[in-house]
Every structure is written in C-alpha cells, then in structure tokens.
Amino acid sequence: MGEFGQNDCSDWYVRNIYDWMQKGVNGVPHSRLAWTYNTWDCRSGPALITDYYGGCTGSFGCTVRSLYQQHPVSLSYEPLSSIN
C-alpha cells in the first residue's frame, strides 16, 4: 500500500481503506504508513498530529491512532532461506 493521508482532517478515506489494508492478501495485511507527522493544519497537506507531544488532528489523526492501537503491526518475517 505505502503512504496514505487526507487533506481535510476527516476520516472517511481512512475508515474505508483500513479494513482492506488489514485483510490484505491470503490473510497477510498490507503494509501501511499514515502521512504525515508534521504539525501543520490539514489544509497544507495531510497531518496526523497537532504537536510533538501526541496531540492528534481532528478525526483523521485520532482515527489513525486508534486503528494502529487496535491492530498492532507484527514484525515477524520468514527468513529468505525458507522461501522457495
């Protein structure tokens, strides 16, 4: 998947795409990176935070934080030697 974000601080896009990213392919979730960790307002571009102490922007930043907390990303992997 890559990066995703919203310029209006709402969460309609995140809510629609996150389930698809979590389901992934054959039960393996797609990788994802919410964008950006800048403190500007959402009219300047996607923004997740209002400050560097963890304040979230509108429903976009707060929804992303909530979804990440509900679905932690696994860092497990298969060694290359086990892939045919």
Protein backbone atom coordinates (compact mmCIF):
# COMPACT_ATOMS: atom_id res chain seq x y z
CA MET A 1 0.00 0.00 0.00
CA GLY A 2 2.53 2.59 1.06
CA GLU A 3 1.58 6.00 2.41
CA PHE A 4 -1.92 7.38 2.89
CA GLY A 5 -3.40 10.61 4.21
CA GLN A 6 -6.23 13.14 3.98
CA ASN A 7 -6.04 16.87 3.37
CA ASP A 8 -9.25 17.71 5.22
CA CYS A 9 -8.60 16.14 8.67
CA SER A 10 -11.68 13.94 8.28
CA ASP A 11 -11.51 10.16 8.45
CA TRP A 12 -13.79 8.92 5.65
CA TYR A 13 -10.90 7.68 3.48
CA VAL A 14 -9.00 6.07 6.35
CA ARG A 15 -12.09 4.19 7.56
CA ASN A 16 -12.85 2.95 4.04
CA ILE A 17 -9.37 1.75 3.16
CA TYR A 18 -8.08 0.50 6.53
CA ASP A 19 -10.21 -2.68 6.60
CA TRP A 20 -8.93 -3.56 3.13
CA MET A 21 -5.32 -2.97 4.23
CA GLN A 22 -5.82 -5.07 7.37
CA LYS A 23 -7.33 -8.03 5.43
CA GLY A 24 -4.51 -7.97 2.92
CA VAL A 25 -3.85 -10.94 0.65
CA ASN A 26 -4.18 -14.51 1.92
CA GLY A 27 -4.54 -13.16 5.47
CA VAL A 28 -1.30 -11.15 5.32
CA PRO A 29 -2.04 -7.44 5.92
CA HIS A 30 -0.75 -4.82 3.51
CA SER A 31 1.98 -2.55 4.83
CA ARG A 32 0.85 0.96 5.59
CA LEU A 33 2.19 4.32 6.70
CA ALA A 34 -0.10 7.17 7.66
CA TRP A 35 1.19 10.52 6.45
CA THR A 36 2.45 12.99 7.76
CA TYR A 37 3.95 13.57 11.17
CA ASN A 38 4.05 17.33 10.71
CA THR A 39 2.18 19.83 12.88
CA TRP A 40 0.64 21.95 10.13
CA ASP A 41 -3.11 22.14 9.71
CA CYS A 42 -4.69 19.76 7.23
CA ARG A 43 -5.26 22.47 4.62
CA SER A 44 -1.49 22.43 3.95
CA GLY A 45 -1.44 18.65 3.42
CA PRO A 46 -2.20 15.52 5.40
CA ALA A 47 -1.27 15.87 9.07
CA LEU A 48 -1.67 13.38 11.91
CA ILE A 49 -0.52 15.48 14.85
CA THR A 50 -1.11 18.93 16.28
CA ASP A 51 2.06 18.92 18.41
CA TYR A 52 5.05 16.70 19.12
CA TYR A 53 3.55 15.56 22.44
CA GLY A 54 0.99 13.30 20.77
CA GLY A 55 -2.00 15.55 20.09
CA CYS A 56 -3.93 14.18 17.11
CA THR A 57 -5.57 16.21 14.34
CA GLY A 58 -9.35 16.12 14.02
CA SER A 59 -10.86 12.79 13.19
CA PHE A 60 -8.03 11.85 10.76
CA GLY A 61 -5.15 11.72 13.25
CA CYS A 62 -7.27 10.38 16.11
CA THR A 63 -8.79 7.63 13.92
CA VAL A 64 -5.38 6.55 12.62
CA ARG A 65 -4.01 6.41 16.17
CA SER A 66 -6.99 4.35 17.31
CA LEU A 67 -6.73 1.93 14.37
CA TYR A 68 -2.99 1.47 14.91
CA GLN A 69 -3.63 0.73 18.59
CA GLN A 70 -6.36 -1.80 17.72
CA HIS A 71 -4.26 -3.53 15.04
CA PRO A 72 -0.58 -3.52 16.02
CA VAL A 73 1.74 -4.40 13.18
CA SER A 74 3.58 -7.68 13.52
CA LEU A 75 7.30 -7.52 12.90
CA SER A 76 7.60 -11.24 12.23
CA TYR A 77 9.14 -12.42 8.99
CA GLU A 78 10.26 -15.56 7.21
CA PRO A 79 13.96 -15.95 6.57
CA LEU A 80 14.82 -15.85 2.86
CA SER A 81 16.17 -19.41 3.06
CA SER A 82 12.63 -20.73 3.70
CA ILE A 83 11.13 -19.12 0.58
CA ASN A 84 11.02 -21.37 -2.48
